[in-house]
Amino acid sequence: MRSLSDRLKSWPLYLLPHHLISRVVFKLTRIESRFAPAAIKQFARLFDIDMAEASHSEPQHYKTFNEFFTRSLKDGAREISGAAHQFCSPVDGRVSQLGAISDGTIMQAKGHQYTVSDLLGGREQDTQAFNQGAFATLYLSPRDYHRIHMPLDGDLSSMHYIPGRLFSVAPHTVRVVPRLFARNERVVTIFNTDAGKVAMVLVGAINVAAIETVWAGLVTPPVKPEIIHIDYDSGTCKLNKGEEMGRFNMGSTVILLLENGSFRSDLSAGDPVRMGQFIGNSQ
């Protein structure tokens, strides 16, 4: 439900120079400084980050804030659960919304919807695959692990860069800004799997707009003026379930689309998820 507080916190975002602010943050988080460990320690304390599960738990290890923010985990810190036909969560985070896609329409929040076509950049062959599928919107907060992993074995089919705004994707903004995920800058990745097509949409946000994939490196920034579609031959990039496919350089949202299958009936908006956790079936 949209409250007056939500509106007051969200409306000023319409006026901010999203990309300029994000470019400044991009540069600041990559500065090597002797003050970086102290800033990292304070940030970890403020957001209650469990440094013990990081591959390097001491702030002194990280030369820049971004190195810390995109930190890797210790071996065994996450179990990749479920059988081969079962989906696992691609990220640590919290469920914003999930459920069936109804005639190409996705629920953003109560009173707000957007279309698969808008989200994926209007390409018909991609849109058709998911119009009657299922979706899960997964929000990554500043305290979360920010690498993104495969929910199922997949063979990369295409990647699309879609320019846009950089509204915050915090819950209060999602409840207020119409079609937020179809308006923000994003990188759409589509994989062929044994369960049909699977899309992972990496949504940028203010302070966040730096998205990487393991096959293309840093996709954004810089900002491009138009949609860019790239198709890949089968076998160009095959990734196993649980394998890293990308990362956010600061936190944001991943929208997972399934052509076939469904998510666990006991999962609902607000529930926490951890990378590797069983979240749905492809059968």
C-alpha atoms as a PDB file:
ATOM      1  CA  MET A   1       0.000   0.000   0.000  1.00  0.00           C
ATOM      2  CA  ARG A   2       1.317   3.422  -0.970  1.00  0.00           C
ATOM      3  CA  SER A   3       1.612   5.716   2.037  1.00  0.00           C
ATOM      4  CA  LEU A   4       2.228   9.449   2.227  1.00  0.00           C
ATOM      5  CA  SER A   5       5.701   8.631   3.538  1.00  0.00           C
ATOM      6  CA  ASP A   6       6.425   6.510   0.437  1.00  0.00           C
ATOM      7  CA  ARG A   7       5.333   9.341  -1.834  1.00  0.00           C
ATOM      8  CA  LEU A   8       7.369  11.982  -0.010  1.00  0.00           C
ATOM      9  CA  LYS A   9      10.509   9.838  -0.212  1.00  0.00           C
ATOM     10  CA  SER A  10       9.981   8.913  -3.868  1.00  0.00           C
ATOM     11  CA  TRP A  11       8.793  12.078  -5.609  1.00  0.00           C
ATOM     12  CA  PRO A  12      12.116  13.994  -5.322  1.00  0.00           C
ATOM     13  CA  LEU A  13      13.727  11.230  -7.413  1.00  0.00           C
ATOM     14  CA  TYR A  14      11.951  12.564 -10.498  1.00  0.00           C
ATOM     15  CA  LEU A  15      14.032  15.742 -10.245  1.00  0.00           C
ATOM     16  CA  LEU A  16      17.472  14.266  -9.610  1.00  0.00           C
ATOM     17  CA  PRO A  17      20.102  13.872 -12.379  1.00  0.00           C
ATOM     18  CA  HIS A  18      20.214  10.077 -12.003  1.00  0.00           C
ATOM     19  CA  HIS A  19      23.072   9.323 -14.370  1.00  0.00           C
ATOM     20  CA  LEU A  20      25.289  12.187 -13.216  1.00  0.00           C
ATOM     21  CA  ILE A  21      24.966  11.127  -9.577  1.00  0.00           C
ATOM     22  CA  SER A  22      25.650   7.510 -10.492  1.00  0.00           C
ATOM     23  CA  ARG A  23      28.765   8.405 -12.509  1.00  0.00           C
ATOM     24  CA  VAL A  24      30.145  10.303  -9.506  1.00  0.00           C
ATOM     25  CA  VAL A  25      29.466   7.324  -7.230  1.00  0.00           C
ATOM     26  CA  PHE A  26      31.063   5.029  -9.835  1.00  0.00           C
ATOM     27  CA  LYS A  27      34.308   6.993  -9.668  1.00  0.00           C
ATOM     28  CA  LEU A  28      34.313   7.460  -5.884  1.00  0.00           C
ATOM     29  CA  THR A  29      33.864   3.749  -5.183  1.00  0.00           C
ATOM     30  CA  ARG A  30      36.908   2.940  -7.324  1.00  0.00           C
ATOM     31  CA  ILE A  31      39.368   5.301  -5.645  1.00  0.00           C
ATOM     32  CA  GLU A  32      42.223   3.530  -3.866  1.00  0.00           C
ATOM     33  CA  SER A  33      42.609   5.185  -0.483  1.00  0.00           C
ATOM     34  CA  ARG A  34      44.063   4.428   2.927  1.00  0.00           C
ATOM     35  CA  PHE A  35      40.655   5.466   4.283  1.00  0.00           C
ATOM     36  CA  ALA A  36      38.850   2.708   2.356  1.00  0.00           C
ATOM     37  CA  PRO A  37      39.157   0.020   5.093  1.00  0.00           C
ATOM     38  CA  ALA A  38      37.668   2.350   7.712  1.00  0.00           C
ATOM     39  CA  ALA A  39      34.774   3.235   5.404  1.00  0.00           C
ATOM     40  CA  ILE A  40      34.197  -0.450   4.637  1.00  0.00           C
ATOM     41  CA  LYS A  41      34.234  -1.354   8.327  1.00  0.00           C
ATOM     42  CA  GLN A  42      31.687   1.362   9.098  1.00  0.00           C
ATOM     43  CA  PHE A  43      29.468   0.321   6.169  1.00  0.00           C
ATOM     44  CA  ALA A  44      29.565  -3.334   7.251  1.00  0.00           C
ATOM     45  CA  ARG A  45      28.588  -2.347  10.777  1.00  0.00           C
ATOM     46  CA  LEU A  46      25.808  -0.026   9.606  1.00  0.00           C
ATOM     47  CA  PHE A  47      24.178  -2.646   7.363  1.00  0.00           C
ATOM     48  CA  ASP A  48      24.982  -5.670   9.563  1.00  0.00           C
ATOM     49  CA  ILE A  49      27.017  -7.439   6.875  1.00  0.00           C
ATOM     50  CA  ASP A  50      28.340 -10.889   7.746  1.00  0.00           C
ATOM     51  CA  MET A  51      31.998 -10.546   6.763  1.00  0.00           C
ATOM     52  CA  ALA A  52      32.771 -14.050   8.023  1.00  0.00           C
ATOM     53  CA  GLU A  53      31.231 -15.581   4.889  1.00  0.00           C
ATOM     54  CA  ALA A  54      33.326 -13.447   2.514  1.00  0.00           C
ATOM     55  CA  SER A  55      36.399 -15.001   0.938  1.00  0.00           C
ATOM     56  CA  HIS A  56      38.354 -12.132   2.516  1.00  0.00           C
ATOM     57  CA  SER A  57      36.803 -11.075   5.817  1.00  0.00           C
ATOM     58  CA  GLU A  58      39.210  -8.250   6.719  1.00  0.00           C
ATOM     59  CA  PRO A  59      38.422  -4.731   5.396  1.00  0.00           C
ATOM     60  CA  GLN A  60      42.173  -4.139   4.890  1.00  0.00           C
ATOM     61  CA  HIS A  61      42.142  -6.646   2.025  1.00  0.00           C
ATOM     62  CA  TYR A  62      40.041  -4.376  -0.224  1.00  0.00           C
ATOM     63  CA  LYS A  63      41.784  -1.555  -2.081  1.00  0.00           C
ATOM     64  CA  THR A  64      38.518   0.163  -3.056  1.00  0.00           C
ATOM     65  CA  PHE A  65      34.950   0.228  -1.800  1.00  0.00           C
ATOM     66  CA  ASN A  66      33.755  -1.445  -5.008  1.00  0.00           C
ATOM     67  CA  GLU A  67      36.107  -4.393  -4.462  1.00  0.00           C
ATOM     68  CA  PHE A  68      34.414  -4.915  -1.122  1.00  0.00           C
ATOM     69  CA  PHE A  69      30.919  -4.429  -2.513  1.00  0.00           C
ATOM     70  CA  THR A  70      31.442  -7.078  -5.201  1.00  0.00           C
ATOM     71  CA  ARG A  71      33.261  -9.417  -2.786  1.00  0.00           C
ATOM     72  CA  SER A  72      33.264 -13.146  -3.418  1.00  0.00           C
ATOM     73  CA  LEU A  73      32.131 -15.747  -0.886  1.00  0.00           C
ATOM     74  CA  LYS A  74      34.116 -18.470   0.780  1.00  0.00           C
ATOM     75  CA  ASP A  75      33.896 -21.896  -0.819  1.00  0.00           C
ATOM     76  CA  GLY A  76      30.889 -23.668   0.629  1.00  0.00           C
ATOM     77  CA  ALA A  77      29.203 -20.499   1.907  1.00  0.00           C
ATOM     78  CA  ARG A  78      26.183 -21.260  -0.302  1.00  0.00           C
ATOM     79  CA  GLU A  79      24.708 -24.642  -1.164  1.00  0.00           C
ATOM     80  CA  ILE A  80      23.276 -25.005  -4.666  1.00  0.00           C
ATOM     81  CA  SER A  81      20.128 -26.922  -3.788  1.00  0.00           C
ATOM     82  CA  GLY A  82      17.435 -28.771  -5.702  1.00  0.00           C
ATOM     83  CA  ALA A  83      17.417 -31.344  -8.486  1.00  0.00           C
ATOM     84  CA  ALA A  84      18.499 -30.557 -12.052  1.00  0.00           C
ATOM     85  CA  HIS A  85      14.947 -29.532 -13.033  1.00  0.00           C
ATOM     86  CA  GLN A  86      14.533 -27.203 -10.030  1.00  0.00           C
ATOM     87  CA  PHE A  87      15.353 -23.496 -10.080  1.00  0.00           C
ATOM     88  CA  CYS A  88      17.586 -21.958  -7.430  1.00  0.00           C
ATOM     89  CA  SER A  89      17.728 -18.308  -6.424  1.00  0.00           C
ATOM     90  CA  PRO A  90      20.274 -16.387  -8.530  1.00  0.00           C
ATOM     91  CA  VAL A  91      20.974 -13.899  -5.718  1.00  0.00           C
ATOM     92  CA  ASP A  92      20.874 -13.104  -2.040  1.00  0.00           C
ATOM     93  CA  GLY A  93      17.996 -10.717  -1.482  1.00  0.00           C
ATOM     94  CA  ARG A  94      14.306 -10.460  -0.786  1.00  0.00           C
ATOM     95  CA  VAL A  95      11.254 -11.291  -2.895  1.00  0.00           C
ATOM     96  CA  SER A  96       9.556  -8.098  -4.054  1.00  0.00           C
ATOM     97  CA  GLN A  97       6.837  -9.871  -6.074  1.00  0.00           C
ATOM     98  CA  LEU A  98       6.414 -13.240  -7.772  1.00  0.00           C
ATOM     99  CA  GLY A  99       3.750 -15.265  -9.528  1.00  0.00           C
ATOM    100  CA  ALA A 100       2.235 -16.020 -12.907  1.00  0.00           C
ATOM    101  CA  ILE A 101       2.559 -13.666 -15.859  1.00  0.00           C
ATOM    102  CA  SER A 102      -0.985 -12.922 -17.026  1.00  0.00           C
ATOM    103  CA  ASP A 103      -1.303 -12.215 -20.763  1.00  0.00           C
ATOM    104  CA  GLY A 104       2.091 -10.545 -20.844  1.00  0.00           C
ATOM    105  CA  THR A 105       1.513  -8.447 -17.708  1.00  0.00           C
ATOM    106  CA  ILE A 106       3.778  -8.471 -14.630  1.00  0.00           C
ATOM    107  CA  MET A 107       2.818  -7.229 -11.185  1.00  0.00           C
ATOM    108  CA  GLN A 108       5.195  -4.563  -9.826  1.00  0.00           C
ATOM    109  CA  ALA A 109       3.271  -3.662  -6.665  1.00  0.00           C
ATOM    110  CA  LYS A 110      -0.364  -3.201  -5.681  1.00  0.00           C
ATOM    111  CA  GLY A 111      -1.842  -0.836  -8.262  1.00  0.00           C
ATOM    112  CA  HIS A 112       1.211  -0.972 -10.569  1.00  0.00           C
ATOM    113  CA  GLN A 113       1.846  -3.321 -13.491  1.00  0.00           C
ATOM    114  CA  TYR A 114       4.040  -3.358 -16.593  1.00  0.00           C
ATOM    115  CA  THR A 115       4.379  -5.583 -19.635  1.00  0.00           C
ATOM    116  CA  VAL A 116       6.901  -8.236 -20.600  1.00  0.00           C
ATOM    117  CA  SER A 117       7.338  -6.430 -23.917  1.00  0.00           C
ATOM    118  CA  ASP A 118       8.279  -3.151 -22.216  1.00  0.00           C
ATOM    119  CA  LEU A 119      10.654  -4.913 -19.829  1.00  0.00           C
ATOM    120  CA  LEU A 120      12.478  -6.820 -22.586  1.00  0.00           C
ATOM    121  CA  GLY A 121      12.774  -3.922 -25.018  1.00  0.00           C
ATOM    122  CA  GLY A 122       9.898  -4.819 -27.348  1.00  0.00           C
ATOM    123  CA  ARG A 123      11.521  -7.704 -29.213  1.00  0.00           C
ATOM    124  CA  GLU A 124       8.649  -9.965 -30.228  1.00  0.00           C
ATOM    125  CA  GLN A 125      10.480 -13.309 -30.270  1.00  0.00           C
ATOM    126  CA  ASP A 126      11.554 -12.787 -26.657  1.00  0.00           C
ATOM    127  CA  THR A 127       8.229 -11.433 -25.454  1.00  0.00           C
ATOM    128  CA  GLN A 128       6.172 -14.338 -26.800  1.00  0.00           C
ATOM    129  CA  ALA A 129       8.164 -16.896 -24.832  1.00  0.00           C
ATOM    130  CA  PHE A 130       7.254 -15.376 -21.460  1.00  0.00           C
ATOM    131  CA  ASN A 131       3.748 -13.950 -21.943  1.00  0.00           C
ATOM    132  CA  GLN A 132       2.148 -16.869 -20.097  1.00  0.00           C
ATOM    133  CA  GLY A 133       5.128 -17.786 -17.918  1.00  0.00           C
ATOM    134  CA  ALA A 134       6.143 -16.896 -14.374  1.00  0.00           C
ATOM    135  CA  PHE A 135       8.215 -14.144 -12.794  1.00  0.00           C
ATOM    136  CA  ALA A 136      10.076 -13.347  -9.587  1.00  0.00           C
ATOM    137  CA  THR A 137      11.364  -9.874  -8.714  1.00  0.00           C
ATOM    138  CA  LEU A 138      14.314 -10.113  -6.307  1.00  0.00           C
ATOM    139  CA  TYR A 139      15.576  -7.006  -4.511  1.00  0.00           C
ATOM    140  CA  LEU A 140      19.202  -6.735  -3.369  1.00  0.00           C
ATOM    141  CA  SER A 141      19.744  -4.371  -0.444  1.00  0.00           C
ATOM    142  CA  PRO A 142      23.111  -2.771   0.401  1.00  0.00           C
ATOM    143  CA  ARG A 143      23.830  -5.542   2.915  1.00  0.00           C
ATOM    144  CA  ASP A 144      23.510  -8.369   0.375  1.00  0.00           C
ATOM    145  CA  TYR A 145      26.075 -10.321  -1.630  1.00  0.00           C
ATOM    146  CA  HIS A 146      26.033  -8.720  -5.092  1.00  0.00           C
ATOM    147  CA  ARG A 147      27.122 -11.379  -7.531  1.00  0.00           C
ATOM    148  CA  ILE A 148      24.467 -13.020  -9.698  1.00  0.00           C
ATOM    149  CA  HIS A 149      24.383 -16.748 -10.442  1.00  0.00           C
ATOM    150  CA  MET A 150      22.561 -19.114 -12.769  1.00  0.00           C
ATOM    151  CA  PRO A 151      19.228 -20.513 -11.527  1.00  0.00           C
ATOM    152  CA  LEU A 152      19.536 -23.478 -13.919  1.00  0.00           C
ATOM    153  CA  ASP A 153      22.016 -24.804 -16.491  1.00  0.00           C
ATOM    154  CA  GLY A 154      21.784 -22.451 -19.463  1.00  0.00           C
ATOM    155  CA  ASP A 155      23.144 -21.678 -22.933  1.00  0.00           C
ATOM    156  CA  LEU A 156      23.292 -17.916 -23.592  1.00  0.00           C
ATOM    157  CA  SER A 157      20.943 -16.920 -26.417  1.00  0.00           C
ATOM    158  CA  SER A 158      20.976 -13.119 -26.348  1.00  0.00           C
ATOM    159  CA  MET A 159      21.771  -9.990 -24.349  1.00  0.00           C
ATOM    160  CA  HIS A 160      20.056  -6.628 -24.663  1.00  0.00           C
ATOM    161  CA  TYR A 161      21.072  -3.263 -23.240  1.00  0.00           C
ATOM    162  CA  ILE A 162      18.069  -0.973 -22.689  1.00  0.00           C
ATOM    163  CA  PRO A 163      18.700   2.668 -21.693  1.00  0.00           C
ATOM    164  CA  GLY A 164      16.482   4.440 -19.188  1.00  0.00           C
ATOM    165  CA  ARG A 165      16.204   6.309 -15.915  1.00  0.00           C
ATOM    166  CA  LEU A 166      17.848   5.237 -12.677  1.00  0.00           C
ATOM    167  CA  PHE A 167      15.089   5.475 -10.091  1.00  0.00           C
ATOM    168  CA  SER A 168      15.857   3.875  -6.742  1.00  0.00           C
ATOM    169  CA  VAL A 169      14.518   0.306  -6.552  1.00  0.00           C
ATOM    170  CA  ALA A 170      13.982   0.427  -2.787  1.00  0.00           C
ATOM    171  CA  PRO A 171      10.574  -0.974  -1.743  1.00  0.00           C
ATOM    172  CA  HIS A 172       9.012   2.434  -1.077  1.00  0.00           C
ATOM    173  CA  THR A 173       9.906   3.600  -4.613  1.00  0.00           C
ATOM    174  CA  VAL A 174       8.603   0.407  -6.222  1.00  0.00           C
ATOM    175  CA  ARG A 175       5.263   1.033  -4.514  1.00  0.00           C
ATOM    176  CA  VAL A 176       5.029   4.573  -5.938  1.00  0.00           C
ATOM    177  CA  VAL A 177       6.748   4.948  -9.352  1.00  0.00           C
ATOM    178  CA  PRO A 178       4.636   3.461 -12.190  1.00  0.00           C
ATOM    179  CA  ARG A 179       6.366   0.923 -14.483  1.00  0.00           C
ATOM    180  CA  LEU A 180       9.636   1.478 -12.645  1.00  0.00           C
ATOM    181  CA  PHE A 181      11.412  -1.668 -13.880  1.00  0.00           C
ATOM    182  CA  ALA A 182      10.392  -0.977 -17.476  1.00  0.00           C
ATOM    183  CA  ARG A 183      11.682   2.615 -17.189  1.00  0.00           C
ATOM    184  CA  ASN A 184      15.080   2.049 -15.571  1.00  0.00           C
ATOM    185  CA  GLU A 185      18.256   1.232 -17.463  1.00  0.00           C
ATOM    186  CA  ARG A 186      18.727  -2.542 -17.593  1.00  0.00           C
ATOM    187  CA  VAL A 187      20.564  -5.466 -19.121  1.00  0.00           C
ATOM    188  CA  VAL A 188      18.396  -8.360 -20.321  1.00  0.00           C
ATOM    189  CA  THR A 189      20.006 -11.799 -20.601  1.00  0.00           C
ATOM    190  CA  ILE A 190      18.146 -14.753 -22.127  1.00  0.00           C
ATOM    191  CA  PHE A 191      19.224 -18.383 -21.858  1.00  0.00           C
ATOM    192  CA  ASN A 192      18.038 -21.595 -23.465  1.00  0.00           C
ATOM    193  CA  THR A 193      17.601 -24.318 -20.830  1.00  0.00           C
ATOM    194  CA  ASP A 194      16.044 -27.760 -20.550  1.00  0.00           C
ATOM    195  CA  ALA A 195      13.024 -25.914 -19.101  1.00  0.00           C
ATOM    196  CA  GLY A 196      12.676 -23.601 -22.099  1.00  0.00           C
ATOM    197  CA  LYS A 197      13.761 -19.987 -22.124  1.00  0.00           C
ATOM    198  CA  VAL A 198      14.859 -18.249 -18.932  1.00  0.00           C
ATOM    199  CA  ALA A 199      15.461 -14.495 -18.749  1.00  0.00           C
ATOM    200  CA  MET A 200      17.392 -12.627 -16.092  1.00  0.00           C
ATOM    201  CA  VAL A 201      16.849  -8.881 -16.209  1.00  0.00           C
ATOM    202  CA  LEU A 202      19.505  -6.900 -14.321  1.00  0.00           C
ATOM    203  CA  VAL A 203      17.913  -3.575 -13.406  1.00  0.00           C
ATOM    204  CA  GLY A 204      20.084  -0.541 -12.737  1.00  0.00           C
ATOM    205  CA  ALA A 205      19.251   2.082 -10.109  1.00  0.00           C
ATOM    206  CA  ILE A 206      20.605   5.358  -8.786  1.00  0.00           C
ATOM    207  CA  ASN A 207      24.173   4.851  -7.441  1.00  0.00           C
ATOM    208  CA  VAL A 208      24.054   1.372  -9.012  1.00  0.00           C
ATOM    209  CA  ALA A 209      24.322   1.834 -12.747  1.00  0.00           C
ATOM    210  CA  ALA A 210      27.329  -0.407 -13.307  1.00  0.00           C
ATOM    211  CA  ILE A 211      26.339  -3.879 -14.481  1.00  0.00           C
ATOM    212  CA  GLU A 212      28.733  -6.631 -15.552  1.00  0.00           C
ATOM    213  CA  THR A 213      28.358 -10.071 -17.115  1.00  0.00           C
ATOM    214  CA  VAL A 214      31.046 -12.749 -17.160  1.00  0.00           C
ATOM    215  CA  TRP A 215      31.054 -12.928 -20.984  1.00  0.00           C
ATOM    216  CA  ALA A 216      30.896  -9.195 -21.857  1.00  0.00           C
ATOM    217  CA  GLY A 217      32.509  -7.501 -18.861  1.00  0.00           C
ATOM    218  CA  LEU A 218      31.199  -4.052 -17.905  1.00  0.00           C
ATOM    219  CA  VAL A 219      28.066  -3.436 -19.972  1.00  0.00           C
ATOM    220  CA  THR A 220      27.084  -0.125 -18.386  1.00  0.00           C
ATOM    221  CA  PRO A 221      28.431   2.528 -17.998  1.00  0.00           C
ATOM    222  CA  PRO A 222      28.882   4.236 -20.382  1.00  0.00           C
ATOM    223  CA  VAL A 223      25.258   5.007 -21.139  1.00  0.00           C
ATOM    224  CA  LYS A 224      24.210   4.203 -24.709  1.00  0.00           C
ATOM    225  CA  PRO A 225      21.570   6.280 -26.532  1.00  0.00           C
ATOM    226  CA  GLU A 226      19.488   3.362 -27.832  1.00  0.00           C
ATOM    227  CA  ILE A 227      18.595  -0.291 -27.315  1.00  0.00           C
ATOM    228  CA  ILE A 228      21.354  -2.710 -28.309  1.00  0.00           C
ATOM    229  CA  HIS A 229      20.495  -6.344 -29.131  1.00  0.00           C
ATOM    230  CA  ILE A 230      23.234  -8.988 -29.329  1.00  0.00           C
ATOM    231  CA  ASP A 231      22.449 -12.585 -30.358  1.00  0.00           C
ATOM    232  CA  TYR A 232      24.838 -15.439 -29.586  1.00  0.00           C
ATOM    233  CA  ASP A 233      25.485 -18.750 -31.321  1.00  0.00           C
ATOM    234  CA  SER A 234      24.666 -21.843 -29.295  1.00  0.00           C
ATOM    235  CA  GLY A 235      27.676 -22.872 -27.227  1.00  0.00           C
ATOM    236  CA  THR A 236      29.206 -19.383 -27.062  1.00  0.00           C
ATOM    237  CA  CYS A 237      28.585 -19.221 -23.323  1.00  0.00           C
ATOM    238  CA  LYS A 238      27.254 -22.208 -21.419  1.00  0.00           C
ATOM    239  CA  LEU A 239      26.901 -21.778 -17.661  1.00  0.00           C
ATOM    240  CA  ASN A 240      26.019 -24.348 -15.037  1.00  0.00           C
ATOM    241  CA  LYS A 241      23.431 -23.951 -12.322  1.00  0.00           C
ATOM    242  CA  GLY A 242      24.968 -21.896  -9.514  1.00  0.00           C
ATOM    243  CA  GLU A 243      27.775 -20.520 -11.693  1.00  0.00           C
ATOM    244  CA  GLU A 244      28.367 -16.751 -11.625  1.00  0.00           C
ATOM    245  CA  MET A 245      26.877 -14.910 -14.619  1.00  0.00           C
ATOM    246  CA  GLY A 246      27.264 -11.274 -13.575  1.00  0.00           C
ATOM    247  CA  ARG A 247      27.314  -8.716 -10.810  1.00  0.00           C
ATOM    248  CA  PHE A 248      26.047  -5.343  -9.686  1.00  0.00           C
ATOM    249  CA  ASN A 249      28.590  -2.728  -8.708  1.00  0.00           C
ATOM    250  CA  MET A 250      26.224  -1.548  -5.939  1.00  0.00           C
ATOM    251  CA  GLY A 251      22.809  -3.110  -5.215  1.00  0.00           C
ATOM    252  CA  SER A 252      19.714  -3.358  -7.354  1.00  0.00           C
ATOM    253  CA  THR A 253      17.099  -5.846  -8.599  1.00  0.00           C
ATOM    254  CA  VAL A 254      17.028  -9.012 -10.686  1.00  0.00           C
ATOM    255  CA  ILE A 255      13.796 -10.020 -12.436  1.00  0.00           C
ATOM    256  CA  LEU A 256      13.699 -13.735 -13.266  1.00  0.00           C
ATOM    257  CA  LEU A 257      11.313 -14.809 -16.053  1.00  0.00           C
ATOM    258  CA  LEU A 258      10.422 -18.442 -16.780  1.00  0.00           C
ATOM    259  CA  GLU A 259       8.894 -19.690 -20.012  1.00  0.00           C
ATOM    260  CA  ASN A 260       7.847 -22.898 -18.251  1.00  0.00           C
ATOM    261  CA  GLY A 261       7.587 -23.850 -14.615  1.00  0.00           C
ATOM    262  CA  SER A 262       6.487 -22.084 -11.465  1.00  0.00           C
ATOM    263  CA  PHE A 263       7.812 -20.783  -8.180  1.00  0.00           C
ATOM    264  CA  ARG A 264       7.297 -22.369  -4.783  1.00  0.00           C
ATOM    265  CA  SER A 265       3.782 -21.759  -3.472  1.00  0.00           C
ATOM    266  CA  ASP A 266       5.132 -20.974   0.009  1.00  0.00           C
ATOM    267  CA  LEU A 267       7.272 -18.085  -1.282  1.00  0.00           C
ATOM    268  CA  SER A 268       5.675 -14.663  -1.096  1.00  0.00           C
ATOM    269  CA  ALA A 269       6.502 -10.956  -1.243  1.00  0.00           C
ATOM    270  CA  GLY A 270       8.834  -9.951   1.572  1.00  0.00           C
ATOM    271  CA  ASP A 271      10.475 -13.354   2.002  1.00  0.00           C
ATOM    272  CA  PRO A 272      14.291 -13.446   2.118  1.00  0.00           C
ATOM    273  CA  VAL A 273      16.166 -15.688  -0.317  1.00  0.00           C
ATOM    274  CA  ARG A 274      19.774 -16.786  -0.540  1.00  0.00           C
ATOM    275  CA  MET A 275      21.727 -17.613  -3.649  1.00  0.00           C
ATOM    276  CA  GLY A 276      21.422 -21.328  -4.361  1.00  0.00           C
ATOM    277  CA  GLN A 277      18.165 -21.772  -2.432  1.00  0.00           C
ATOM    278  CA  PHE A 278      15.481 -23.904  -4.138  1.00  0.00           C
ATOM    279  CA  ILE A 279      12.740 -21.535  -5.333  1.00  0.00           C
ATOM    280  CA  GLY A 280      10.805 -23.324  -8.088  1.00  0.00           C
ATOM    281  CA  ASN A 281      10.241 -26.207 -10.497  1.00  0.00           C
ATOM    282  CA  SER A 282      10.521 -26.390 -14.255  1.00  0.00           C
ATOM    283  CA  GLN A 283       8.139 -29.356 -14.445  1.00  0.00           C
END
